[in-house]
Every structure is written in C-alpha cells, then in structure tokens.
PDB file of N, CA and C in Angstrom:
ATOM      1  N   UNK A   1       0.834  -1.184   0.000  1.00  0.00           N
ATOM      2  CA  UNK A   1       0.000   0.000   0.000  1.00  0.00           C
ATOM      3  C   UNK A   1       0.882   1.250   0.000  1.00  0.00           C
ATOM      4  N   UNK A   2       0.334   2.297  -0.537  1.00  0.00           N
ATOM      5  CA  UNK A   2       1.085   3.545  -0.553  1.00  0.00           C
ATOM      6  C   UNK A   2       0.850   4.330   0.740  1.00  0.00           C
ATOM      7  N   UNK A   3       1.650   5.334   0.947  1.00  0.00           N
ATOM      8  CA  UNK A   3       1.596   6.111   2.187  1.00  0.00           C
ATOM      9  C   UNK A   3       0.260   6.838   2.347  1.00  0.00           C
ATOM     10  N   UNK A   4      -0.345   7.254   1.248  1.00  0.00           N
ATOM     11  CA  UNK A   4      -1.637   7.952   1.320  1.00  0.00           C
ATOM     12  C   UNK A   4      -2.698   7.059   1.962  1.00  0.00           C
ATOM     13  N   UNK A   5      -2.674   5.776   1.656  1.00  0.00           N
ATOM     14  CA  UNK A   5      -3.626   4.830   2.248  1.00  0.00           C
ATOM     15  C   UNK A   5      -3.447   4.791   3.765  1.00  0.00           C
ATOM     16  N   UNK A   6      -2.227   4.591   4.216  1.00  0.00           N
ATOM     17  CA  UNK A   6      -1.950   4.518   5.649  1.00  0.00           C
ATOM     18  C   UNK A   6      -2.276   5.832   6.364  1.00  0.00           C
ATOM     19  N   UNK A   7      -1.939   6.942   5.759  1.00  0.00           N
ATOM     20  CA  UNK A   7      -2.234   8.239   6.359  1.00  0.00           C
ATOM     21  C   UNK A   7      -3.735   8.457   6.495  1.00  0.00           C
ATOM     22  N   UNK A   8      -4.488   8.078   5.468  1.00  0.00           N
ATOM     23  CA  UNK A   8      -5.936   8.264   5.498  1.00  0.00           C
ATOM     24  C   UNK A   8      -6.587   7.367   6.537  1.00  0.00           C
ATOM     25  N   UNK A   9      -6.167   6.105   6.609  1.00  0.00           N
ATOM     26  CA  UNK A   9      -6.737   5.184   7.600  1.00  0.00           C
ATOM     27  C   UNK A   9      -6.419   5.673   9.013  1.00  0.00           C
ATOM     28  N   UNK A  10      -5.210   6.135   9.246  1.00  0.00           N
ATOM     29  CA  UNK A  10      -4.840   6.672  10.565  1.00  0.00           C
ATOM     30  C   UNK A  10      -5.696   7.889  10.908  1.00  0.00           C
ATOM     31  N   UNK A  11      -5.930   8.755   9.929  1.00  0.00           N
ATOM     32  CA  UNK A  11      -6.754   9.943  10.159  1.00  0.00           C
ATOM     33  C   UNK A  11      -8.189   9.543  10.478  1.00  0.00           C
ATOM     34  N   UNK A  12      -8.730   8.569   9.751  1.00  0.00           N
ATOM     35  CA  UNK A  12     -10.096   8.117  10.017  1.00  0.00           C
ATOM     36  C   UNK A  12     -10.215   7.536  11.424  1.00  0.00           C
ATOM     37  N   UNK A  13      -9.221   6.759  11.835  1.00  0.00           N
ATOM     38  CA  UNK A  13      -9.239   6.178  13.182  1.00  0.00           C
ATOM     39  C   UNK A  13      -9.182   7.259  14.248  1.00  0.00           C
ATOM     40  N   UNK A  14      -8.310   8.233  14.065  1.00  0.00           N
ATOM     41  CA  UNK A  14      -8.158   9.282  15.074  1.00  0.00           C
ATOM     42  C   UNK A  14      -9.373  10.209  15.138  1.00  0.00           C
ATOM     43  N   UNK A  15     -10.101  10.346  14.039  1.00  0.00           N
ATOM     44  CA  UNK A  15     -11.275  11.216  14.008  1.00  0.00           C
ATOM     45  C   UNK A  15     -12.568  10.492  14.371  1.00  0.00           C
ATOM     46  N   UNK A  16     -12.478   9.190  14.626  1.00  0.00           N
ATOM     47  CA  UNK A  16     -13.663   8.439  15.033  1.00  0.00           C
ATOM     48  C   UNK A  16     -14.676   8.223  13.919  1.00  0.00           C
ATOM     49  N   UNK A  17     -14.182   7.954  12.724  1.00  0.00           N
ATOM     50  CA  UNK A  17     -15.074   7.715  11.591  1.00  0.00           C
ATOM     51  C   UNK A  17     -15.746   6.347  11.759  1.00  0.00           C
ATOM     52  N   UNK A  18     -16.994   6.259  11.326  1.00  0.00           N
ATOM     53  CA  UNK A  18     -17.791   5.046  11.420  1.00  0.00           C
ATOM     54  C   UNK A  18     -17.028   3.842  10.848  1.00  0.00           C
ATOM     55  N   UNK A  19     -17.036   2.738  11.582  1.00  0.00           N
ATOM     56  CA  UNK A  19     -16.289   1.537  11.178  1.00  0.00           C
ATOM     57  C   UNK A  19     -16.770   0.961   9.851  1.00  0.00           C
ATOM     58  N   UNK A  20     -18.072   1.025   9.595  1.00  0.00           N
ATOM     59  CA  UNK A  20     -18.603   0.521   8.320  1.00  0.00           C
ATOM     60  C   UNK A  20     -18.081   1.361   7.156  1.00  0.00           C
ATOM     61  N   UNK A  21     -18.061   2.674   7.344  1.00  0.00           N
ATOM     62  CA  UNK A  21     -17.524   3.563   6.313  1.00  0.00           C
ATOM     63  C   UNK A  21     -16.053   3.241   6.069  1.00  0.00           C
ATOM     64  N   UNK A  22     -15.300   3.069   7.159  1.00  0.00           N
ATOM     65  CA  UNK A  22     -13.870   2.759   7.027  1.00  0.00           C
ATOM     66  C   UNK A  22     -13.652   1.448   6.292  1.00  0.00           C
ATOM     67  N   UNK A  23     -14.417   0.417   6.645  1.00  0.00           N
ATOM     68  CA  UNK A  23     -14.292  -0.869   5.955  1.00  0.00           C
ATOM     69  C   UNK A  23     -14.565  -0.712   4.461  1.00  0.00           C
ATOM     70  N   UNK A  24     -15.621   0.041   4.153  1.00  0.00           N
ATOM     71  CA  UNK A  24     -15.946   0.271   2.745  1.00  0.00           C
ATOM     72  C   UNK A  24     -14.862   1.050   2.028  1.00  0.00           C
ATOM     73  N   UNK A  25     -14.352   2.104   2.687  1.00  0.00           N
ATOM     74  CA  UNK A  25     -13.321   2.932   2.061  1.00  0.00           C
ATOM     75  C   UNK A  25     -12.074   2.098   1.770  1.00  0.00           C
ATOM     76  N   UNK A  26     -11.644   1.322   2.762  1.00  0.00           N
ATOM     77  CA  UNK A  26     -10.441   0.495   2.567  1.00  0.00           C
ATOM     78  C   UNK A  26     -10.651  -0.528   1.461  1.00  0.00           C
ATOM     79  N   UNK A  27     -11.824  -1.148   1.421  1.00  0.00           N
ATOM     80  CA  UNK A  27     -12.101  -2.131   0.369  1.00  0.00           C
ATOM     81  C   UNK A  27     -12.132  -1.487  -1.004  1.00  0.00           C
ATOM     82  N   UNK A  28     -12.766  -0.330  -1.103  1.00  0.00           N
ATOM     83  CA  UNK A  28     -12.814   0.362  -2.384  1.00  0.00           C
ATOM     84  C   UNK A  28     -11.445   0.821  -2.842  1.00  0.00           C
ATOM     85  N   UNK A  29     -10.651   1.334  -1.914  1.00  0.00           N
ATOM     86  CA  UNK A  29      -9.304   1.814  -2.242  1.00  0.00           C
ATOM     87  C   UNK A  29      -8.452   0.672  -2.791  1.00  0.00           C
ATOM     88  N   UNK A  30      -8.595  -0.508  -2.189  1.00  0.00           N
ATOM     89  CA  UNK A  30      -7.802  -1.663  -2.617  1.00  0.00           C
ATOM     90  C   UNK A  30      -8.451  -2.419  -3.772  1.00  0.00           C
ATOM     91  N   UNK A  31      -9.579  -1.908  -4.260  1.00  0.00           N
ATOM     92  CA  UNK A  31     -10.312  -2.495  -5.376  1.00  0.00           C
ATOM     93  C   UNK A  31     -10.760  -3.925  -5.085  1.00  0.00           C
ATOM     94  N   UNK A  32     -11.129  -4.168  -3.821  1.00  0.00           N
ATOM     95  CA  UNK A  32     -11.715  -5.459  -3.457  1.00  0.00           C
ATOM     96  C   UNK A  32     -13.144  -5.510  -3.974  1.00  0.00           C
ATOM     97  N   UNK A  33     -13.675  -6.702  -4.180  1.00  0.00           N
ATOM     98  CA  UNK A  33     -15.093  -6.787  -4.562  1.00  0.00           C
ATOM     99  C   UNK A  33     -15.981  -6.341  -3.398  1.00  0.00           C
ATOM    100  N   UNK A  34     -17.181  -5.886  -3.722  1.00  0.00           N
ATOM    101  CA  UNK A  34     -18.142  -5.510  -2.696  1.00  0.00           C
ATOM    102  C   UNK A  34     -18.485  -6.713  -1.821  1.00  0.00           C
ATOM    103  N   UNK A  35     -18.929  -6.424  -0.611  1.00  0.00           N
ATOM    104  CA  UNK A  35     -19.462  -7.470   0.260  1.00  0.00           C
ATOM    105  C   UNK A  35     -20.675  -8.096  -0.425  1.00  0.00           C
ATOM    106  N   UNK A  36     -21.106  -9.238   0.123  1.00  0.00           N
ATOM    107  CA  UNK A  36     -22.341  -9.807  -0.397  1.00  0.00           C
ATOM    108  C   UNK A  36     -23.496  -8.860  -0.079  1.00  0.00           C
ATOM    109  N   UNK A  37     -24.480  -8.857  -0.925  1.00  0.00           N
ATOM    110  CA  UNK A  37     -25.538  -7.844  -0.922  1.00  0.00           C
ATOM    111  C   UNK A  37     -26.206  -7.636   0.435  1.00  0.00           C
ATOM    112  N   UNK A  38     -26.484  -8.696   1.156  1.00  0.00           N
ATOM    113  CA  UNK A  38     -27.202  -8.552   2.435  1.00  0.00           C
ATOM    114  C   UNK A  38     -26.351  -7.902   3.517  1.00  0.00           C
ATOM    115  N   UNK A  39     -25.045  -7.782   3.327  1.00  0.00           N
ATOM    116  CA  UNK A  39     -24.165  -7.171   4.322  1.00  0.00           C
ATOM    117  C   UNK A  39     -23.765  -5.742   3.979  1.00  0.00           C
ATOM    118  N   UNK A  40     -24.230  -5.213   2.857  1.00  0.00           N
ATOM    119  CA  UNK A  40     -23.886  -3.845   2.456  1.00  0.00           C
ATOM    120  C   UNK A  40     -24.817  -2.866   3.172  1.00  0.00           C
ATOM    121  N   UNK A  41     -24.213  -1.957   3.917  1.00  0.00           N
ATOM    122  CA  UNK A  41     -24.970  -0.890   4.577  1.00  0.00           C
ATOM    123  C   UNK A  41     -24.757   0.410   3.802  1.00  0.00           C
ATOM    124  N   UNK A  42     -25.561   1.417   4.115  1.00  0.00           N
ATOM    125  CA  UNK A  42     -25.386   2.717   3.457  1.00  0.00           C
ATOM    126  C   UNK A  42     -24.002   3.293   3.744  1.00  0.00           C
ATOM    127  N   UNK A  43     -23.542   3.147   4.997  1.00  0.00           N
ATOM    128  CA  UNK A  43     -22.216   3.652   5.374  1.00  0.00           C
ATOM    129  C   UNK A  43     -21.118   2.925   4.592  1.00  0.00           C
ATOM    130  N   UNK A  44     -21.216   1.604   4.513  1.00  0.00           N
ATOM    131  CA  UNK A  44     -20.226   0.814   3.782  1.00  0.00           C
ATOM    132  C   UNK A  44     -20.199   1.237   2.309  1.00  0.00           C
ATOM    133  N   UNK A  45     -21.370   1.362   1.689  1.00  0.00           N
ATOM    134  CA  UNK A  45     -21.435   1.728   0.274  1.00  0.00           C
ATOM    135  C   UNK A  45     -20.838   3.104   0.025  1.00  0.00           C
ATOM    136  N   UNK A  46     -21.131   4.055   0.918  1.00  0.00           N
ATOM    137  CA  UNK A  46     -20.560   5.404   0.774  1.00  0.00           C
ATOM    138  C   UNK A  46     -19.038   5.346   0.873  1.00  0.00           C
ATOM    139  N   UNK A  47     -18.525   4.579   1.825  1.00  0.00           N
ATOM    140  CA  UNK A  47     -17.081   4.429   1.965  1.00  0.00           C
ATOM    141  C   UNK A  47     -16.462   3.742   0.766  1.00  0.00           C
ATOM    142  N   UNK A  48     -17.124   2.706   0.285  1.00  0.00           N
ATOM    143  CA  UNK A  48     -16.621   1.971  -0.877  1.00  0.00           C
ATOM    144  C   UNK A  48     -16.529   2.895  -2.091  1.00  0.00           C
ATOM    145  N   UNK A  49     -17.587   3.666  -2.316  1.00  0.00           N
ATOM    146  CA  UNK A  49     -17.587   4.587  -3.456  1.00  0.00           C
ATOM    147  C   UNK A  49     -16.465   5.622  -3.326  1.00  0.00           C
ATOM    148  N   UNK A  50     -16.294   6.174  -2.128  1.00  0.00           N
ATOM    149  CA  UNK A  50     -15.226   7.163  -1.913  1.00  0.00           C
ATOM    150  C   UNK A  50     -13.847   6.522  -2.050  1.00  0.00           C
ATOM    151  N   UNK A  51     -13.681   5.330  -1.506  1.00  0.00           N
ATOM    152  CA  UNK A  51     -12.394   4.648  -1.597  1.00  0.00           C
ATOM    153  C   UNK A  51     -12.016   4.319  -3.030  1.00  0.00           C
ATOM    154  N   UNK A  52     -12.999   3.917  -3.814  1.00  0.00           N
ATOM    155  CA  UNK A  52     -12.747   3.608  -5.222  1.00  0.00           C
ATOM    156  C   UNK A  52     -12.207   4.830  -5.953  1.00  0.00           C
ATOM    157  N   UNK A  53     -12.718   5.989  -5.577  1.00  0.00           N
ATOM    158  CA  UNK A  53     -12.274   7.248  -6.194  1.00  0.00           C
ATOM    159  C   UNK A  53     -11.077   7.867  -5.468  1.00  0.00           C
ATOM    160  N   UNK A  54     -10.642   7.207  -4.374  1.00  0.00           N
ATOM    161  CA  UNK A  54      -9.566   7.724  -3.512  1.00  0.00           C
ATOM    162  C   UNK A  54      -9.925   9.116  -2.983  1.00  0.00           C
ATOM    163  N   UNK A  55     -11.198   9.296  -2.688  1.00  0.00           N
ATOM    164  CA  UNK A  55     -11.755  10.564  -2.223  1.00  0.00           C
ATOM    165  C   UNK A  55     -11.823  10.566  -0.699  1.00  0.00           C
ATOM    166  N   UNK A  56     -11.340  11.625  -0.090  1.00  0.00           N
ATOM    167  CA  UNK A  56     -11.417  11.763   1.376  1.00  0.00           C
ATOM    168  C   UNK A  56     -12.296  12.930   1.805  1.00  0.00           C
ATOM    169  N   UNK A  57     -12.931  13.601   0.853  1.00  0.00           N
ATOM    170  CA  UNK A  57     -13.709  14.797   1.154  1.00  0.00           C
ATOM    171  C   UNK A  57     -14.943  14.522   1.989  1.00  0.00           C
ATOM    172  N   UNK A  58     -15.516  13.325   1.898  1.00  0.00           N
ATOM    173  CA  UNK A  58     -16.782  13.030   2.565  1.00  0.00           C
ATOM    174  C   UNK A  58     -16.648  12.317   3.888  1.00  0.00           C
ATOM    175  N   UNK A  59     -15.454  11.951   4.284  1.00  0.00           N
ATOM    176  CA  UNK A  59     -15.320  11.100   5.465  1.00  0.00           C
ATOM    177  C   UNK A  59     -15.749  11.778   6.762  1.00  0.00           C
ATOM    178  N   UNK A  60     -15.603  13.086   6.868  1.00  0.00           N
ATOM    179  CA  UNK A  60     -15.991  13.758   8.107  1.00  0.00           C
ATOM    180  C   UNK A  60     -17.496  13.702   8.332  1.00  0.00           C
ATOM    181  N   UNK A  61     -18.271  13.462   7.286  1.00  0.00           N
ATOM    182  CA  UNK A  61     -19.726  13.331   7.420  1.00  0.00           C
ATOM    183  C   UNK A  61     -20.122  11.978   8.004  1.00  0.00           C
ATOM    184  N   UNK A  62     -19.158  11.089   8.208  1.00  0.00           N
ATOM    185  CA  UNK A  62     -19.444   9.728   8.664  1.00  0.00           C
ATOM    186  C   UNK A  62     -18.818   9.433  10.022  1.00  0.00           C
ATOM    187  N   UNK A  63     -18.821  10.417  10.886  1.00  0.00           N
ATOM    188  CA  UNK A  63     -18.294  10.182  12.242  1.00  0.00           C
ATOM    189  C   UNK A  63     -19.260   9.287  13.000  1.00  0.00           C
ATOM    190  N   UNK A  64     -18.689   8.419  13.803  1.00  0.00           N
ATOM    191  CA  UNK A  64     -19.503   7.444  14.557  1.00  0.00           C
ATOM    192  C   UNK A  64     -20.309   8.096  15.642  1.00  0.00           C
TER     193      UNK A  64
END
C-alpha cells in the first residue's frame, strides 16, 4: 500500500469515523469486490464509493 492509504486510515481512526464507512473505504481503495448484498450498509457503500475514487472529502460526514 502507498503512504496515502496509511495516512488516510490513521486519520479516520483518530477522528472516530464510522467503522462501516472505514471498511468500505479500505475495500474500495484496494479495489476489493463488494461485500455480499445482504451485508452492504449505506455507510459501507458510501465508503466503498469514496475509496474507489480515492476521495477523502466526505469522510468527516461519517463520524460514529
């Protein structure tokens, strides 16, 4: 992984971002397949979409 990934995950942890959002963001960033349909939450999907785009602009809206 590149340093941007580690820096972003550390920032999300320190800011108390929702765990589902974080899981989605990390999965999207690493281009993992989506979870099975019944386990996808709105928070996870938002994180996945942002991670796929390597976008960090929306993460503060997902504080736990």
